[in-house]
Every structure is written in C-alpha cells, then in structure tokens.
Amino acid sequence: QLQLVESGGGLVQPGGSLRLSCAASGFSLDHYAIGWFRQAPGKEREGVSSISVRGGRANYANSVGGRFTISRDNANTVFLHLSSLKPDDTAVYYCAAAYGSSWYFQPPTIIDESVYDHWGQGTQVTVSS
C-alpha cells in the first residue's frame, strides 16, 4: 500500500521551531517531487512549499518564505523546517507526492493540487503561548 506519513507536529510557542517529516511507505520517493500544504480551522487548504525530485530547487508561499525550509534526504524522507512560528501558522500540515519527469529539476506548483498523486493524513501544528 502506498502511503505518505507525516510526523513532527506538536504544540510550540510563538517564535519557536519544529521539523516536520514526510516518509514514504510502500514506494520510493526517488521519482517524486514533494509538496507541503496546510489547512487551518475554517480555511481552505493552501500550499506552503515544494521541492523538485533532485532536491535542487524549492518553492515557497509568500507567507512562509524565509521562515520555512524544505529539504530531502536519500532515505525516502522529506523535511519541512519551521522557524519563527506564528499563531497564524497553526494548521494541519500535509505532504503530497507528485510523480513525473516534469519535476526532476523544477519544483511542482503549490497552487494546483491536481498534480499530486499521493497524500498523507496530516500532522497538527499548534502555535500558542
């Protein structure tokens, strides 16, 4: 069964940091680009960041640029490093995988969710004092 599993969420104070992980089970991420999305209570899901298959290029939403960093390792895991967290960052964070050669060197869009083939169940991030 093909699965993406997010982890690393939790409760953090404003200004704090977290590292979210997205691990693949049942398939290899070698040919998949990854996107991170989030959904706050009462709001639509929005794109946060994405990274190309080769990991050389990334894309960030304006709201998180300079505070969040996406990266990937060689062990089938992609990370999203969250820093300088704000209460507005409170949301369920999802990772998603996009297959295809189009994304080898370019990060996929974080606007069009239809390019993503597999989704995780999400991990809760709560920023509160």
Protein backbone atom coordinates (compact mmCIF):
# COMPACT_ATOMS: atom_id res chain seq x y z
CA GLN A 1 0.00 0.00 0.00
CA LEU A 2 1.37 3.39 -0.99
CA GLN A 3 1.43 5.77 1.94
CA LEU A 4 2.89 9.07 2.99
CA VAL A 5 3.21 9.58 6.71
CA GLU A 6 3.80 12.97 8.29
CA SER A 7 5.29 13.39 11.75
CA GLY A 8 6.89 16.03 13.93
CA GLY A 9 3.91 18.24 14.64
CA GLY A 10 3.04 19.49 18.10
CA LEU A 11 2.47 22.47 20.34
CA VAL A 12 5.09 25.21 20.18
CA GLN A 13 5.31 28.76 21.48
CA PRO A 14 5.40 31.75 19.13
CA GLY A 15 8.90 32.20 17.81
CA GLY A 16 9.67 28.52 18.21
CA SER A 17 10.68 25.88 15.69
CA LEU A 18 9.60 22.44 14.55
CA ARG A 19 10.80 19.95 11.98
CA LEU A 20 8.12 18.04 10.11
CA SER A 21 8.95 14.80 8.31
CA CYS A 22 7.22 13.12 5.40
CA ALA A 23 8.13 9.48 4.95
CA ALA A 24 7.05 7.18 2.15
CA SER A 25 5.88 3.65 2.76
CA GLY A 26 5.36 1.10 0.01
CA PHE A 27 7.09 3.13 -2.68
CA SER A 28 10.24 5.08 -3.30
CA LEU A 29 10.35 8.86 -3.47
CA ASP A 30 13.23 8.70 -5.95
CA HIS A 31 10.98 9.87 -8.80
CA TYR A 32 8.60 12.06 -6.83
CA ALA A 33 8.64 15.73 -6.07
CA ILE A 34 7.08 16.69 -2.75
CA GLY A 35 4.79 19.48 -1.69
CA TRP A 36 3.72 20.61 1.75
CA PHE A 37 0.27 22.04 2.33
CA ARG A 38 -1.63 23.21 5.39
CA GLN A 39 -5.21 23.72 6.44
CA ALA A 40 -6.15 25.99 9.29
CA PRO A 41 -9.52 25.68 11.06
CA GLY A 42 -12.27 27.17 8.94
CA LYS A 43 -9.95 27.86 6.00
CA GLU A 44 -9.18 26.18 2.71
CA ARG A 45 -6.04 24.14 2.31
CA GLU A 46 -3.13 26.18 0.99
CA GLY A 47 0.25 25.36 -0.47
CA VAL A 48 3.30 26.02 1.68
CA SER A 49 6.34 24.71 -0.14
CA SER A 50 7.52 22.20 -2.72
CA ILE A 51 10.81 20.64 -3.76
CA SER A 52 11.99 19.07 -7.00
CA VAL A 53 12.80 15.38 -7.36
CA ARG A 54 16.54 16.11 -7.36
CA GLY A 55 16.15 18.46 -4.42
CA GLY A 56 17.98 21.31 -6.04
CA ARG A 57 15.10 23.76 -6.29
CA ALA A 58 12.28 24.71 -3.97
CA ASN A 59 9.21 26.89 -3.98
CA TYR A 60 7.66 28.75 -1.03
CA ALA A 61 4.44 30.59 -0.33
CA ASN A 62 4.99 34.27 0.40
CA SER A 63 3.58 33.80 3.89
CA VAL A 64 6.37 31.40 4.92
CA GLY A 65 9.34 32.49 2.82
CA GLY A 66 12.44 33.00 4.94
CA ARG A 67 10.92 31.11 7.88
CA PHE A 68 10.33 27.62 6.46
CA THR A 69 12.85 25.43 4.67
CA ILE A 70 12.11 22.29 2.72
CA SER A 71 14.74 19.61 2.20
CA ARG A 72 15.04 15.95 1.29
CA ASP A 73 17.50 13.22 2.14
CA ASN A 74 18.44 9.96 0.45
CA ALA A 75 16.38 7.88 2.85
CA ASN A 76 12.92 8.36 1.38
CA THR A 77 12.08 11.30 3.64
CA VAL A 78 11.34 14.96 3.05
CA PHE A 79 11.52 17.56 5.78
CA LEU A 80 9.91 20.91 6.39
CA HIS A 81 11.77 23.04 8.90
CA LEU A 82 9.51 25.61 10.52
CA SER A 83 11.05 28.52 12.39
CA SER A 84 9.91 31.88 13.81
CA LEU A 85 6.50 30.32 14.14
CA LYS A 86 3.43 32.50 14.49
CA PRO A 87 -0.08 31.69 15.75
CA ASP A 88 -1.25 32.04 12.12
CA ASP A 89 0.90 29.01 11.27
CA THR A 90 -1.44 26.83 13.32
CA ALA A 91 -2.85 24.21 10.97
CA VAL A 92 -2.81 20.58 9.94
CA TYR A 93 0.20 20.12 7.67
CA TYR A 94 0.07 17.64 4.80
CA CYS A 95 2.70 16.34 2.46
CA ALA A 96 1.94 15.19 -1.07
CA ALA A 97 3.96 13.47 -3.79
CA ALA A 98 3.96 14.40 -7.48
CA TYR A 99 5.31 11.85 -9.96
CA GLY A 100 6.92 12.69 -13.23
CA SER A 101 9.95 13.91 -15.10
CA SER A 102 8.46 17.42 -15.21
CA TRP A 103 9.52 17.80 -11.60
CA TYR A 104 13.05 16.44 -11.75
CA PHE A 105 14.61 19.89 -11.82
CA GLN A 106 11.64 22.18 -11.15
CA PRO A 107 9.52 22.17 -8.01
CA PRO A 108 5.85 21.47 -8.64
CA THR A 109 3.23 24.13 -8.21
CA ILE A 110 1.73 24.62 -4.77
CA ILE A 111 -1.34 26.20 -6.34
CA ASP A 112 -2.72 23.26 -8.33
CA GLU A 113 -3.23 20.24 -6.07
CA SER A 114 -4.21 18.02 -9.03
CA VAL A 115 -0.54 17.45 -9.94
CA TYR A 116 -0.06 15.48 -6.73
CA ASP A 117 -0.66 11.73 -6.79
CA HIS A 118 -0.40 10.71 -3.15
CA TRP A 119 -1.30 12.49 0.09
CA GLY A 120 -0.56 11.92 3.73
CA GLN A 121 -3.02 12.13 6.60
CA GLY A 122 -1.52 15.26 8.11
CA THR A 123 0.17 16.33 11.33
CA GLN A 124 -1.14 19.05 13.64
CA VAL A 125 0.98 22.12 14.35
CA THR A 126 -0.30 24.45 17.06
CA VAL A 127 1.48 27.72 17.80
CA SER A 128 0.31 29.18 21.07
CA SER A 129 1.65 30.64 24.29
